[in-house]
Amino acid sequence: MKNHSLIHSGERPHKCSVCNRGFTQTHVLKTHMLIHTGEKPYKCEVCLKSFRHSSPLNIHMRKHLHMYPYMCRYCGKLFVESGQLGVHEG
């Protein structure tokens, strides 16, 4: 509950030592620090491409697994991400 109240109070007690940006939770600060260190701890086991976060890796893996869940309603072209479909359909 304390962490949730920080969202509403605007308090950001966890500060980045590099850029001084504040965060409400320590795990978010730790993830942010990856930007400064250049570390990309999530690695594709197929092609060895690396990512800072797990979400882009999960989306990337769809390509290797031939999982294209988003289909254009006009031409039937398939996409890995909904954003790609949105750009395609305009």
N, C-alpha and C. Protein backbone atom coordinates (compact mmCIF):
# COMPACT_ATOMS: atom_id res chain seq x y z
N MET A 1 0.83 -1.20 0.00
CA MET A 1 0.00 0.00 0.00
C MET A 1 0.87 1.26 0.00
N LYS A 2 2.02 1.19 0.70
CA LYS A 2 2.91 2.35 0.76
C LYS A 2 3.40 2.71 -0.64
N ASN A 3 3.81 1.70 -1.44
CA ASN A 3 4.26 1.96 -2.80
C ASN A 3 3.17 2.59 -3.63
N HIS A 4 1.94 2.12 -3.46
CA HIS A 4 0.83 2.66 -4.23
C HIS A 4 0.58 4.12 -3.86
N SER A 5 0.70 4.45 -2.59
CA SER A 5 0.47 5.84 -2.17
C SER A 5 1.53 6.78 -2.74
N LEU A 6 2.74 6.26 -3.02
CA LEU A 6 3.79 7.08 -3.63
C LEU A 6 3.38 7.55 -5.02
N ILE A 7 2.64 6.71 -5.73
CA ILE A 7 2.17 7.08 -7.07
C ILE A 7 1.32 8.34 -7.00
N HIS A 8 0.43 8.40 -6.00
CA HIS A 8 -0.49 9.53 -5.89
C HIS A 8 0.16 10.76 -5.26
N SER A 9 1.15 10.54 -4.41
CA SER A 9 1.79 11.68 -3.74
C SER A 9 2.80 12.38 -4.64
N GLY A 10 3.27 11.67 -5.67
CA GLY A 10 4.28 12.25 -6.54
C GLY A 10 5.69 12.07 -6.00
N GLU A 11 5.81 11.49 -4.82
CA GLU A 11 7.13 11.26 -4.22
C GLU A 11 7.87 10.16 -4.98
N ARG A 12 9.14 10.42 -5.26
CA ARG A 12 9.99 9.46 -5.97
C ARG A 12 11.31 9.34 -5.20
N PRO A 13 11.31 8.53 -4.15
CA PRO A 13 12.46 8.49 -3.25
C PRO A 13 13.69 7.75 -3.78
N HIS A 14 13.55 6.97 -4.82
CA HIS A 14 14.67 6.20 -5.35
C HIS A 14 15.26 6.95 -6.54
N LYS A 15 16.45 7.54 -6.35
CA LYS A 15 17.07 8.40 -7.36
C LYS A 15 18.18 7.69 -8.11
N CYS A 16 18.23 7.95 -9.41
CA CYS A 16 19.31 7.44 -10.25
C CYS A 16 20.57 8.25 -9.95
N SER A 17 21.66 7.56 -9.70
CA SER A 17 22.93 8.23 -9.36
C SER A 17 23.59 8.87 -10.58
N VAL A 18 23.12 8.55 -11.77
CA VAL A 18 23.71 9.09 -12.99
C VAL A 18 22.95 10.33 -13.48
N CYS A 19 21.63 10.21 -13.60
CA CYS A 19 20.85 11.31 -14.18
C CYS A 19 19.89 11.97 -13.19
N ASN A 20 19.85 11.46 -11.97
CA ASN A 20 19.02 12.00 -10.89
C ASN A 20 17.52 11.83 -11.10
N ARG A 21 17.12 11.02 -12.05
CA ARG A 21 15.70 10.75 -12.24
C ARG A 21 15.18 9.95 -11.04
N GLY A 22 13.97 10.25 -10.61
CA GLY A 22 13.40 9.59 -9.44
C GLY A 22 12.38 8.52 -9.80
N PHE A 23 12.27 7.52 -8.93
CA PHE A 23 11.35 6.40 -9.14
C PHE A 23 10.65 6.06 -7.83
N THR A 24 9.45 5.52 -7.94
CA THR A 24 8.69 5.14 -6.75
C THR A 24 9.13 3.79 -6.19
N GLN A 25 9.72 2.94 -7.04
CA GLN A 25 10.08 1.60 -6.59
C GLN A 25 11.53 1.28 -6.98
N THR A 26 12.20 0.51 -6.13
CA THR A 26 13.60 0.18 -6.38
C THR A 26 13.79 -0.68 -7.62
N HIS A 27 12.87 -1.61 -7.88
CA HIS A 27 13.06 -2.48 -9.05
C HIS A 27 12.96 -1.69 -10.36
N VAL A 28 12.19 -0.62 -10.36
CA VAL A 28 12.09 0.22 -11.56
C VAL A 28 13.40 1.00 -11.75
N LEU A 29 13.99 1.45 -10.66
CA LEU A 29 15.30 2.11 -10.72
C LEU A 29 16.35 1.15 -11.26
N LYS A 30 16.35 -0.09 -10.79
CA LYS A 30 17.33 -1.08 -11.25
C LYS A 30 17.19 -1.31 -12.76
N THR A 31 15.97 -1.39 -13.23
CA THR A 31 15.74 -1.56 -14.67
C THR A 31 16.22 -0.32 -15.42
N HIS A 32 15.94 0.86 -14.90
CA HIS A 32 16.38 2.12 -15.51
C HIS A 32 17.90 2.17 -15.63
N MET A 33 18.61 1.68 -14.63
CA MET A 33 20.08 1.73 -14.63
C MET A 33 20.68 0.97 -15.81
N LEU A 34 19.95 0.02 -16.38
CA LEU A 34 20.44 -0.72 -17.54
C LEU A 34 20.70 0.21 -18.72
N ILE A 35 19.96 1.32 -18.79
CA ILE A 35 20.16 2.30 -19.86
C ILE A 35 21.58 2.88 -19.76
N HIS A 36 21.99 3.19 -18.54
CA HIS A 36 23.30 3.81 -18.33
C HIS A 36 24.45 2.82 -18.45
N THR A 37 24.23 1.58 -18.03
CA THR A 37 25.30 0.59 -18.06
C THR A 37 25.43 -0.07 -19.43
N GLY A 38 24.35 0.01 -20.23
CA GLY A 38 24.35 -0.65 -21.53
C GLY A 38 24.08 -2.14 -21.45
N GLU A 39 23.85 -2.62 -20.25
CA GLU A 39 23.61 -4.05 -20.05
C GLU A 39 22.28 -4.48 -20.68
N LYS A 40 22.31 -5.62 -21.34
CA LYS A 40 21.11 -6.21 -21.94
C LYS A 40 21.05 -7.67 -21.50
N PRO A 41 20.45 -7.92 -20.34
CA PRO A 41 20.53 -9.25 -19.74
C PRO A 41 19.62 -10.32 -20.35
N TYR A 42 18.69 -9.94 -21.21
CA TYR A 42 17.77 -10.91 -21.81
C TYR A 42 18.25 -11.24 -23.22
N LYS A 43 18.68 -12.49 -23.42
CA LYS A 43 19.30 -12.89 -24.68
C LYS A 43 18.47 -13.96 -25.38
N CYS A 44 18.28 -13.78 -26.68
CA CYS A 44 17.61 -14.78 -27.51
C CYS A 44 18.55 -15.98 -27.66
N GLU A 45 18.05 -17.16 -27.36
CA GLU A 45 18.87 -18.37 -27.46
C GLU A 45 19.03 -18.84 -28.90
N VAL A 46 18.24 -18.29 -29.80
CA VAL A 46 18.31 -18.70 -31.21
C VAL A 46 19.35 -17.88 -31.96
N CYS A 47 19.26 -16.54 -31.89
CA CYS A 47 20.15 -15.68 -32.68
C CYS A 47 21.10 -14.84 -31.82
N LEU A 48 20.97 -14.94 -30.50
CA LEU A 48 21.83 -14.25 -29.53
C LEU A 48 21.62 -12.74 -29.45
N LYS A 49 20.58 -12.22 -30.07
CA LYS A 49 20.25 -10.80 -29.92
C LYS A 49 19.88 -10.54 -28.46
N SER A 50 20.30 -9.39 -27.92
CA SER A 50 20.08 -9.08 -26.51
C SER A 50 19.10 -7.92 -26.34
N PHE A 51 18.43 -7.92 -25.18
CA PHE A 51 17.41 -6.93 -24.87
C PHE A 51 17.55 -6.48 -23.42
N ARG A 52 17.16 -5.25 -23.13
CA ARG A 52 17.18 -4.74 -21.76
C ARG A 52 16.03 -5.28 -20.94
N HIS A 53 14.91 -5.56 -21.60
CA HIS A 53 13.70 -6.01 -20.91
C HIS A 53 13.23 -7.33 -21.49
N SER A 54 12.44 -8.06 -20.72
CA SER A 54 11.95 -9.36 -21.17
C SER A 54 10.85 -9.23 -22.22
N SER A 55 10.06 -8.18 -22.16
CA SER A 55 8.94 -8.03 -23.11
C SER A 55 9.39 -8.00 -24.57
N PRO A 56 10.37 -7.18 -24.94
CA PRO A 56 10.83 -7.21 -26.33
C PRO A 56 11.41 -8.57 -26.74
N LEU A 57 12.04 -9.26 -25.80
CA LEU A 57 12.55 -10.60 -26.12
C LEU A 57 11.39 -11.54 -26.43
N ASN A 58 10.34 -11.47 -25.63
CA ASN A 58 9.17 -12.33 -25.87
C ASN A 58 8.56 -12.05 -27.24
N ILE A 59 8.46 -10.79 -27.62
CA ILE A 59 7.93 -10.43 -28.93
C ILE A 59 8.88 -10.91 -30.02
N HIS A 60 10.17 -10.73 -29.81
CA HIS A 60 11.19 -11.17 -30.77
C HIS A 60 11.09 -12.68 -31.00
N MET A 61 10.87 -13.44 -29.95
CA MET A 61 10.80 -14.90 -30.06
C MET A 61 9.66 -15.36 -30.95
N ARG A 62 8.62 -14.56 -31.06
CA ARG A 62 7.49 -14.92 -31.93
C ARG A 62 7.96 -15.12 -33.37
N LYS A 63 8.94 -14.33 -33.80
CA LYS A 63 9.46 -14.46 -35.17
C LYS A 63 10.09 -15.83 -35.37
N HIS A 64 10.91 -16.25 -34.40
CA HIS A 64 11.56 -17.56 -34.51
C HIS A 64 10.55 -18.70 -34.44
N LEU A 65 9.47 -18.49 -33.69
CA LEU A 65 8.46 -19.52 -33.52
C LEU A 65 7.36 -19.43 -34.58
N HIS A 66 7.52 -18.49 -35.50
CA HIS A 66 6.54 -18.26 -36.58
C HIS A 66 5.15 -17.99 -36.01
N MET A 67 5.13 -17.17 -34.97
CA MET A 67 3.86 -16.79 -34.34
C MET A 67 3.54 -15.35 -34.75
N TYR A 68 2.58 -15.20 -35.61
CA TYR A 68 2.16 -13.88 -36.10
C TYR A 68 0.68 -13.71 -35.79
N PRO A 69 0.36 -13.29 -34.56
CA PRO A 69 -1.04 -13.27 -34.12
C PRO A 69 -1.89 -12.11 -34.65
N TYR A 70 -1.28 -11.14 -35.31
CA TYR A 70 -2.03 -9.97 -35.77
C TYR A 70 -2.11 -9.97 -37.29
N MET A 71 -3.35 -9.96 -37.81
CA MET A 71 -3.56 -10.06 -39.25
C MET A 71 -4.31 -8.84 -39.77
N CYS A 72 -3.83 -8.32 -40.90
CA CYS A 72 -4.49 -7.19 -41.55
C CYS A 72 -5.86 -7.62 -42.05
N ARG A 73 -6.87 -6.87 -41.71
CA ARG A 73 -8.24 -7.21 -42.13
C ARG A 73 -8.47 -6.93 -43.62
N TYR A 74 -7.55 -6.21 -44.26
CA TYR A 74 -7.71 -5.88 -45.67
C TYR A 74 -6.97 -6.82 -46.61
N CYS A 75 -5.72 -7.17 -46.25
CA CYS A 75 -4.92 -7.98 -47.17
C CYS A 75 -4.47 -9.32 -46.59
N GLY A 76 -4.66 -9.51 -45.29
CA GLY A 76 -4.29 -10.78 -44.67
C GLY A 76 -2.83 -10.89 -44.23
N LYS A 77 -2.03 -9.84 -44.42
CA LYS A 77 -0.63 -9.88 -43.99
C LYS A 77 -0.57 -10.06 -42.48
N LEU A 78 0.40 -10.86 -42.03
CA LEU A 78 0.53 -11.18 -40.61
C LEU A 78 1.66 -10.38 -39.95
N PHE A 79 1.48 -10.07 -38.66
CA PHE A 79 2.44 -9.28 -37.91
C PHE A 79 2.68 -9.86 -36.53
N VAL A 80 3.87 -9.64 -36.01
CA VAL A 80 4.26 -10.09 -34.68
C VAL A 80 3.67 -9.19 -33.60
N GLU A 81 3.61 -7.88 -33.88
CA GLU A 81 3.14 -6.91 -32.90
C GLU A 81 1.91 -6.17 -33.40
N SER A 82 1.03 -5.81 -32.46
CA SER A 82 -0.17 -5.07 -32.83
C SER A 82 0.19 -3.69 -33.38
N GLY A 83 1.27 -3.08 -32.87
CA GLY A 83 1.70 -1.77 -33.36
C GLY A 83 2.10 -1.80 -34.83
N GLN A 84 2.74 -2.89 -35.24
CA GLN A 84 3.11 -3.04 -36.65
C GLN A 84 1.86 -3.11 -37.52
N LEU A 85 0.86 -3.84 -37.04
CA LEU A 85 -0.41 -3.94 -37.77
C LEU A 85 -1.06 -2.56 -37.88
N GLY A 86 -1.06 -1.81 -36.79
CA GLY A 86 -1.66 -0.49 -36.80
C GLY A 86 -1.01 0.44 -37.81
N VAL A 87 0.31 0.40 -37.89
CA VAL A 87 1.04 1.23 -38.87
C VAL A 87 0.68 0.78 -40.28
N HIS A 88 0.64 -0.52 -40.48
CA HIS A 88 0.34 -1.08 -41.80
C HIS A 88 -1.06 -0.67 -42.27
N GLU A 89 -2.04 -0.79 -41.37
CA GLU A 89 -3.42 -0.48 -41.75
C GLU A 89 -3.67 1.02 -41.83
N GLY A 90 -2.80 1.79 -41.18
CA GLY A 90 -2.91 3.24 -41.24
C GLY A 90 -4.06 3.71 -40.46
